Amino acid sequence: MVLDVIRALGRRWYVVLIGAIATAALTVGAYVTTPPEYNARGLVLLLPAPSVVGEGGNPLLNLGGLEQPAGILVAYFSSAPAREEVKAQSETAQYVVGIDDSTRGPVIVVDVTDADPQTTLDVLNHIIDRIPEQLDALQDQVDAPADSVISSTPLTVDEKADRDMGGTIRMVIAALVVGVAVTCITAFALDGILRRRRLRRTGWVDEPPRARRRQQPVESRADDDDEPTADPDDESDAVPESLTVGSRP
């Protein structure tokens, strides 16, 4: 089967050539229309209020209970007003704000994806700056005392966006596979149509030559059976014995 396909592609080389050109154009188009993406990440830690830490205390030893305020901040950045703020920074930016599962503390993680590296960093910095502002606004709404105000501090913020070629590579591979498949199927189908048309012209399209060679002796025997034979009971057709033996005068 594979050998037949290879032979068909060789006979229809012009289809393969056209298909190769079309596949190359399709692959380039997939690369151009699917540019690489850029990712950037930032981490923000919530710190307990001074009244909880106490004088001379370590804030990092009193992080318990801050997951709830962190969850409230995460919920805000999933709201429509927050998304409108990000949209004003970039129309194509996508972001995710959540609590970091890799730590057991009130760590907020911010992931931003965009088509431009600088825009990605701008959106990331905007969200990182908005976290303490929104935290203060929430505490002002509940009239939290000054000595019980929760604060935040950035743990790490990317200064360079990472280039992600995963989506581009997937689209290029898909375009290449589709182009090769369509080329092979077209060449093989066209080869079959043209070969059947040629066999129809020569009269060998209904049955293969080997089958005809097997049937030829049978037809010959059938023709022999149709020839007239002498009936031994018919005396009119019998040759007189005197003509065969030779008569004496």
Protein backbone atom coordinates (compact mmCIF):
# COMPACT_ATOMS: atom_id res chain seq x y z
CA MET A 1 0.00 0.00 0.00
CA VAL A 2 2.76 2.42 0.90
CA LEU A 3 4.62 1.53 -2.30
CA ASP A 4 1.48 2.20 -4.35
CA VAL A 5 1.11 5.63 -2.74
CA ILE A 6 4.75 6.46 -3.46
CA ARG A 7 4.37 5.41 -7.08
CA ALA A 8 1.18 7.44 -7.42
CA LEU A 9 2.94 10.50 -6.01
CA GLY A 10 5.79 9.97 -8.44
CA ARG A 11 3.44 9.77 -11.40
CA ARG A 12 1.59 12.91 -10.28
CA TRP A 13 4.68 14.88 -9.36
CA TYR A 14 3.14 18.11 -10.56
CA VAL A 15 0.36 17.77 -7.98
CA VAL A 16 2.99 17.17 -5.31
CA LEU A 17 4.88 20.27 -6.43
CA ILE A 18 1.80 22.47 -6.31
CA GLY A 19 0.85 20.99 -2.94
CA ALA A 20 4.34 21.65 -1.54
CA ILE A 21 4.11 25.31 -2.56
CA ALA A 22 0.63 25.61 -1.06
CA THR A 23 1.76 23.89 2.15
CA ALA A 24 4.71 26.27 2.49
CA ALA A 25 2.40 29.26 2.04
CA LEU A 26 -0.04 27.84 4.58
CA THR A 27 2.75 27.27 7.09
CA VAL A 28 4.08 30.81 6.69
CA GLY A 29 0.56 32.18 7.06
CA ALA A 30 0.07 30.22 10.29
CA TYR A 31 3.33 31.62 11.66
CA VAL A 32 2.45 35.20 10.74
CA THR A 33 -1.13 35.09 12.03
CA THR A 34 -0.11 33.40 15.31
CA PRO A 35 2.63 35.57 16.81
CA PRO A 36 4.44 34.45 19.97
CA GLU A 37 3.11 35.41 23.37
CA TYR A 38 4.95 36.92 26.33
CA ASN A 39 4.42 35.96 29.94
CA ALA A 40 5.34 37.78 33.16
CA ARG A 41 4.66 36.97 36.81
CA GLY A 42 4.63 38.80 40.12
CA LEU A 43 4.13 37.70 43.75
CA VAL A 44 2.75 39.88 46.55
CA LEU A 45 2.78 38.93 50.24
CA LEU A 46 0.22 40.20 52.73
CA LEU A 47 1.62 41.20 56.13
CA PRO A 48 -0.27 41.21 59.44
CA ALA A 49 -1.26 44.36 61.32
CA PRO A 50 1.13 45.89 63.90
CA SER A 51 -1.27 45.01 66.71
CA VAL A 52 -0.99 41.34 65.77
CA VAL A 53 2.77 41.33 65.44
CA GLY A 54 3.47 43.23 68.63
CA GLU A 55 6.46 45.38 69.45
CA GLY A 56 9.64 43.74 68.27
CA GLY A 57 7.74 40.82 66.72
CA ASN A 58 8.37 39.10 63.39
CA PRO A 59 5.53 39.61 60.85
CA LEU A 60 6.46 36.43 59.01
CA LEU A 61 5.64 34.37 62.10
CA ASN A 62 2.09 35.74 62.19
CA LEU A 63 0.76 35.12 58.69
CA GLY A 64 -2.10 32.94 59.81
CA GLY A 65 -5.57 34.17 58.99
CA LEU A 66 -4.47 36.40 56.11
CA GLU A 67 -5.72 34.01 53.45
CA GLN A 68 -9.22 35.49 53.74
CA PRO A 69 -8.15 39.08 52.95
CA ALA A 70 -6.05 37.69 50.12
CA GLY A 71 -9.11 35.88 48.75
CA ILE A 72 -11.09 39.12 48.85
CA LEU A 73 -8.42 40.89 46.79
CA VAL A 74 -8.37 38.03 44.28
CA ALA A 75 -12.13 38.28 43.91
CA TYR A 76 -11.90 42.00 43.20
CA PHE A 77 -9.43 41.56 40.34
CA SER A 78 -11.83 39.07 38.77
CA SER A 79 -14.59 41.68 38.68
CA ALA A 80 -15.63 43.78 35.70
CA PRO A 81 -14.22 47.13 37.01
CA ALA A 82 -10.77 45.58 37.46
CA ARG A 83 -10.87 44.08 33.98
CA GLU A 84 -11.81 47.44 32.53
CA GLU A 85 -8.75 48.95 34.19
CA VAL A 86 -6.52 46.32 32.61
CA LYS A 87 -8.24 46.76 29.26
CA ALA A 88 -7.34 50.44 29.37
CA GLN A 89 -3.70 49.38 29.62
CA SER A 90 -3.89 46.82 26.81
CA GLU A 91 -6.70 45.49 24.66
CA THR A 92 -5.06 42.10 24.14
CA ALA A 93 -3.65 41.44 27.61
CA GLN A 94 -4.87 38.47 29.62
CA TYR A 95 -4.19 38.08 33.31
CA VAL A 96 -4.91 35.75 36.20
CA VAL A 97 -4.81 36.80 39.86
CA GLY A 98 -4.95 34.06 42.46
CA ILE A 99 -3.48 32.67 45.66
CA ASP A 100 -0.23 30.79 45.16
CA ASP A 101 -0.83 27.10 45.83
CA SER A 102 2.86 26.35 46.26
CA THR A 103 2.97 28.21 49.59
CA ARG A 104 0.82 27.97 52.69
CA GLY A 105 0.68 31.68 53.20
CA PRO A 106 -1.16 34.77 51.94
CA VAL A 107 0.82 35.06 48.71
CA ILE A 108 -1.01 36.55 45.74
CA VAL A 109 0.29 35.52 42.33
CA VAL A 110 -0.27 37.63 39.20
CA ASP A 111 0.27 36.12 35.71
CA VAL A 112 0.02 38.33 32.62
CA THR A 113 0.11 37.29 28.97
CA ASP A 114 0.23 39.62 25.98
CA ALA A 115 1.58 39.84 22.43
CA ASP A 116 4.09 42.58 23.26
CA PRO A 117 6.79 42.19 25.93
CA GLN A 118 6.68 45.80 27.12
CA THR A 119 2.90 45.83 27.33
CA THR A 120 3.04 42.61 29.34
CA LEU A 121 5.33 44.24 31.90
CA ASP A 122 3.21 47.39 32.01
CA VAL A 123 0.05 45.43 32.80
CA LEU A 124 1.88 43.38 35.43
CA ASN A 125 3.21 46.48 37.18
CA HIS A 126 -0.22 48.06 37.06
CA ILE A 127 -1.83 45.13 38.86
CA ILE A 128 1.02 44.90 41.38
CA ASP A 129 0.57 48.60 42.20
CA ARG A 130 -3.18 48.24 42.47
CA ILE A 131 -3.05 45.45 45.07
CA PRO A 132 -1.95 47.65 48.05
CA GLU A 133 -4.26 50.44 46.88
CA GLN A 134 -7.25 48.14 46.77
CA LEU A 135 -6.24 46.59 50.11
CA ASP A 136 -6.24 50.02 51.74
CA ALA A 137 -9.58 50.90 50.13
CA LEU A 138 -11.20 47.73 51.48
CA GLN A 139 -9.96 48.45 55.01
CA ASP A 140 -11.11 52.06 54.81
CA GLN A 141 -14.60 50.86 53.94
CA VAL A 142 -14.77 48.84 57.16
CA ASP A 143 -13.14 51.60 59.26
CA ALA A 144 -10.26 49.38 60.39
CA PRO A 145 -8.17 50.92 63.22
CA ALA A 146 -4.73 52.17 62.25
CA ASP A 147 -2.92 49.60 64.37
CA SER A 148 -4.85 46.72 62.77
CA VAL A 149 -4.36 47.63 59.12
CA ILE A 150 -3.01 44.83 56.94
CA SER A 151 -0.21 45.76 54.56
CA SER A 152 1.47 44.10 51.58
CA THR A 153 4.89 43.88 50.02
CA PRO A 154 6.05 42.58 46.61
CA LEU A 155 8.06 39.37 46.83
CA THR A 156 9.19 39.19 43.24
CA VAL A 157 8.20 40.92 39.99
CA ASP A 158 9.55 39.94 36.58
CA GLU A 159 11.59 42.63 34.90
CA LYS A 160 11.69 40.79 31.58
CA ALA A 161 8.82 39.01 29.86
CA ASP A 162 9.37 35.40 28.78
CA ARG A 163 8.69 34.54 25.16
CA ASP A 164 6.29 31.65 24.63
CA MET A 165 6.35 30.00 21.19
CA GLY A 166 4.05 27.12 22.12
CA GLY A 167 0.95 28.43 20.35
CA THR A 168 2.89 29.41 17.24
CA ILE A 169 4.57 26.02 16.97
CA ARG A 170 1.27 24.18 17.36
CA MET A 171 -0.34 26.21 14.57
CA VAL A 172 2.64 25.72 12.24
CA ILE A 173 2.61 21.96 12.82
CA ALA A 174 -1.15 21.81 12.22
CA ALA A 175 -0.82 23.74 8.96
CA LEU A 176 2.03 21.49 7.82
CA VAL A 177 0.11 18.29 8.58
CA VAL A 178 -3.02 19.53 6.81
CA GLY A 179 -1.06 20.62 3.74
CA VAL A 180 0.80 17.31 3.40
CA ALA A 181 -2.35 15.26 3.94
CA VAL A 182 -4.37 17.19 1.36
CA THR A 183 -1.53 16.97 -1.16
CA CYS A 184 -1.14 13.20 -0.79
CA ILE A 185 -4.88 12.53 -0.93
CA THR A 186 -5.33 14.73 -3.99
CA ALA A 187 -2.42 13.17 -5.88
CA PHE A 188 -3.50 9.61 -5.05
CA ALA A 189 -7.14 10.25 -5.99
CA LEU A 190 -6.21 11.97 -9.25
CA ASP A 191 -3.88 9.12 -10.15
CA GLY A 192 -6.66 6.59 -9.62
CA ILE A 193 -9.12 8.56 -11.77
CA LEU A 194 -6.68 8.97 -14.65
CA ARG A 195 -5.63 5.33 -14.58
CA ARG A 196 -9.23 4.10 -14.66
CA ARG A 197 -9.97 6.42 -17.56
CA ARG A 198 -7.01 5.05 -19.50
CA LEU A 199 -8.04 1.46 -18.81
CA ARG A 200 -11.58 2.22 -19.96
CA ARG A 201 -10.24 3.40 -23.29
CA THR A 202 -8.30 0.18 -23.79
CA GLY A 203 -11.23 -2.00 -22.71
CA TRP A 204 -9.56 -3.49 -19.66
CA VAL A 205 -11.40 -1.64 -17.02
CA ASP A 206 -14.04 -4.28 -16.15
CA GLU A 207 -11.72 -7.15 -15.26
CA PRO A 208 -7.98 -7.56 -14.87
CA PRO A 209 -5.89 -9.17 -17.61
CA ARG A 210 -5.14 -12.23 -15.48
CA ALA A 211 -8.83 -13.03 -15.20
CA ARG A 212 -9.18 -12.73 -18.96
CA ARG A 213 -6.30 -15.13 -19.52
CA ARG A 214 -7.95 -17.68 -17.25
CA GLN A 215 -11.24 -17.44 -19.16
CA GLN A 216 -9.72 -17.67 -22.63
CA PRO A 217 -9.29 -21.51 -22.73
CA VAL A 218 -12.87 -21.95 -21.52
CA GLU A 219 -14.16 -19.81 -24.35
CA SER A 220 -12.09 -21.80 -26.85
CA ARG A 221 -13.58 -25.06 -25.61
CA ALA A 222 -17.03 -23.57 -25.82
CA ASP A 223 -16.40 -22.63 -29.48
CA ASP A 224 -15.28 -26.17 -30.21
CA ASP A 225 -18.48 -27.57 -28.75
CA ASP A 226 -20.55 -25.40 -31.08
CA GLU A 227 -19.07 -26.97 -34.25
CA PRO A 228 -21.37 -29.49 -35.99
CA THR A 229 -20.47 -33.16 -35.48
CA ALA A 230 -21.57 -36.20 -37.42
CA ASP A 231 -24.45 -38.18 -36.02
CA PRO A 232 -23.65 -41.88 -36.04
CA ASP A 233 -27.35 -42.74 -36.45
CA ASP A 234 -27.79 -40.52 -39.53
CA GLU A 235 -27.10 -42.69 -42.64
CA SER A 236 -27.44 -39.76 -45.02
CA ASP A 237 -24.31 -38.23 -43.72
CA ALA A 238 -22.39 -41.51 -43.61
CA VAL A 239 -19.75 -42.08 -46.22
CA PRO A 240 -20.34 -45.28 -48.29
CA GLU A 241 -17.96 -48.06 -47.40
CA SER A 242 -17.25 -48.66 -51.05
CA LEU A 243 -15.75 -45.21 -51.37
CA THR A 244 -13.53 -45.67 -48.43
CA VAL A 245 -12.25 -49.16 -49.11
CA GLY A 246 -12.00 -49.01 -52.86
CA SER A 247 -14.23 -51.08 -55.16
CA ARG A 248 -13.11 -53.59 -57.80
CA PRO A 249 -14.37 -53.18 -61.38
